[in-house]
Protein backbone atom coordinates (compact mmCIF):
# COMPACT_ATOMS: atom_id res chain seq x y z
CA UNK A 1 -19.29 2.12 -25.63
CA UNK A 2 -16.14 -0.02 -25.56
CA UNK A 3 -16.06 -3.19 -23.55
CA UNK A 4 -13.05 -3.52 -21.29
CA UNK A 5 -11.40 -6.71 -19.97
CA UNK A 6 -8.52 -7.52 -17.65
CA UNK A 7 -6.39 -10.28 -19.08
CA UNK A 8 -3.25 -11.55 -17.32
CA UNK A 9 -2.87 -8.31 -15.41
CA UNK A 10 -2.98 -6.09 -18.52
CA UNK A 11 -5.70 -3.74 -19.70
CA UNK A 12 -7.12 -4.70 -23.07
CA UNK A 13 -9.74 -2.86 -25.12
CA UNK A 14 -11.78 -4.84 -27.57
CA UNK A 15 -11.64 -2.04 -30.15
CA UNK A 16 -8.40 -1.77 -32.10
CA UNK A 17 -6.40 1.00 -30.45
CA UNK A 18 -3.98 1.11 -33.36
CA UNK A 19 -6.64 2.59 -35.59
CA UNK A 20 -7.55 5.29 -33.09
CA UNK A 21 -4.10 6.39 -31.93
CA UNK A 22 -0.99 4.54 -33.09
CA UNK A 23 1.34 6.46 -30.76
CA UNK A 24 -0.79 5.59 -27.74
CA UNK A 25 -0.96 1.97 -28.86
CA UNK A 26 2.84 1.84 -29.15
CA UNK A 27 3.26 3.52 -25.75
CA UNK A 28 0.91 1.01 -24.13
CA UNK A 29 2.75 -1.84 -25.83
CA UNK A 30 6.07 -0.53 -24.46
CA UNK A 31 4.53 -0.09 -21.03
CA UNK A 32 3.19 -3.64 -21.14
CA UNK A 33 6.60 -4.93 -22.17
CA UNK A 34 8.31 -3.00 -19.36
CA UNK A 35 5.84 -4.34 -16.78
CA UNK A 36 6.41 -7.89 -18.03
CA UNK A 37 10.20 -7.43 -17.86
CA UNK A 38 9.93 -6.09 -14.32
CA UNK A 39 7.70 -8.99 -13.37
CA UNK A 40 10.23 -11.49 -14.74
CA UNK A 41 13.09 -9.72 -12.96
CA UNK A 42 11.07 -9.75 -9.75
CA UNK A 43 10.48 -13.50 -10.04
CA UNK A 44 14.18 -14.07 -10.74
CA UNK A 45 15.11 -11.83 -7.83
CA UNK A 46 12.70 -13.64 -5.52
CA UNK A 47 14.13 -17.03 -6.46
CA UNK A 48 17.71 -15.86 -5.87
CA UNK A 49 16.65 -14.16 -2.65
CA UNK A 50 14.91 -17.32 -1.46
CA UNK A 51 18.29 -19.09 -1.42
CA UNK A 52 19.78 -16.28 0.63
CA UNK A 53 16.77 -16.30 2.93
CA UNK A 54 17.16 -20.06 3.47
CA UNK A 55 20.86 -19.62 4.26
CA UNK A 56 20.12 -16.78 6.67
CA UNK A 57 17.33 -18.81 8.27
CA UNK A 58 19.73 -21.71 8.83
CA UNK A 59 22.31 -19.35 10.32
CA UNK A 60 19.71 -17.81 12.62
CA UNK A 61 18.55 -21.25 13.74
CA UNK A 62 22.16 -22.28 14.38
CA UNK A 63 22.80 -19.11 16.39
CA UNK A 64 19.59 -19.68 18.31
CA UNK A 65 20.66 -23.24 19.15
CA UNK A 66 24.07 -21.96 20.27
CA UNK A 67 22.34 -19.30 22.36
CA UNK A 68 20.20 -21.94 24.08
CA UNK A 69 23.29 -24.06 24.75
CA UNK A 70 25.07 -21.04 26.22
CA UNK A 71 22.09 -20.26 28.45
CA UNK A 72 22.18 -23.82 29.82
CA UNK A 73 25.94 -23.51 30.40
CA UNK A 74 25.43 -20.20 32.20
CA UNK A 75 22.77 -21.82 34.38
CA UNK A 76 25.14 -24.70 35.22
CA UNK A 77 27.95 -22.26 36.00
CA UNK A 78 25.66 -20.28 38.31
CA UNK A 79 24.82 -23.47 40.20
CA UNK A 80 28.51 -24.36 40.50
CA UNK A 81 29.25 -20.82 41.62
CA UNK A 82 26.66 -21.09 44.39
CA UNK A 83 28.20 -24.39 45.54
CA UNK A 84 31.66 -22.82 45.54
CA UNK A 85 30.40 -19.83 47.51
CA UNK A 86 28.89 -22.18 50.09
CA UNK A 87 32.15 -24.14 50.25
CA UNK A 88 34.13 -20.89 50.66
CA UNK A 89 31.84 -19.79 53.50
CA UNK A 90 32.35 -23.14 55.22
CA UNK A 91 36.15 -22.93 54.82
CA UNK A 92 36.10 -19.31 56.05
CA UNK A 93 34.09 -20.33 59.12
CA UNK A 94 36.46 -23.23 59.89
CA UNK A 95 39.53 -21.02 59.51
CA UNK A 96 37.95 -18.35 61.71
CA UNK A 97 37.08 -20.99 64.33
CA UNK A 98 40.65 -22.35 64.21
CA UNK A 99 42.12 -18.85 64.65
CA UNK A 100 39.75 -18.20 67.55
CA UNK A 101 40.68 -21.53 69.14
CA UNK A 102 44.39 -20.80 68.66
CA UNK A 103 44.02 -17.32 70.23
CA UNK A 104 42.11 -18.84 73.17
CA UNK A 105 44.85 -21.42 73.59
CA UNK A 106 47.57 -18.74 73.52
CA UNK A 107 45.65 -16.61 76.04
CA UNK A 108 45.30 -19.58 78.41
CA UNK A 109 48.96 -20.55 77.99
CA UNK A 110 50.31 -17.13 78.86
């Protein structure tokens, strides 16, 4: 029975496969080569993608910071809006009181 080992992610038989089936040996060699090429391309792709990921992460963090700033500005604007609404109600009440007083004055004068 043949002993089998796993070495660096590839399947290796201890018996010489070339002697048994040269075509199969060549096919396995080509397959091994293709897997290694894909692995290298994957590593290269990951390293180039890591730069893009870092850039996108920075952009997302910047947008998040801007979003937080905008939320604080919105909160401040809501507070100012409430103060303005209160001021408008006060002015409306004073104007209404003045009109009422003026009408009362005109009614008494006539």
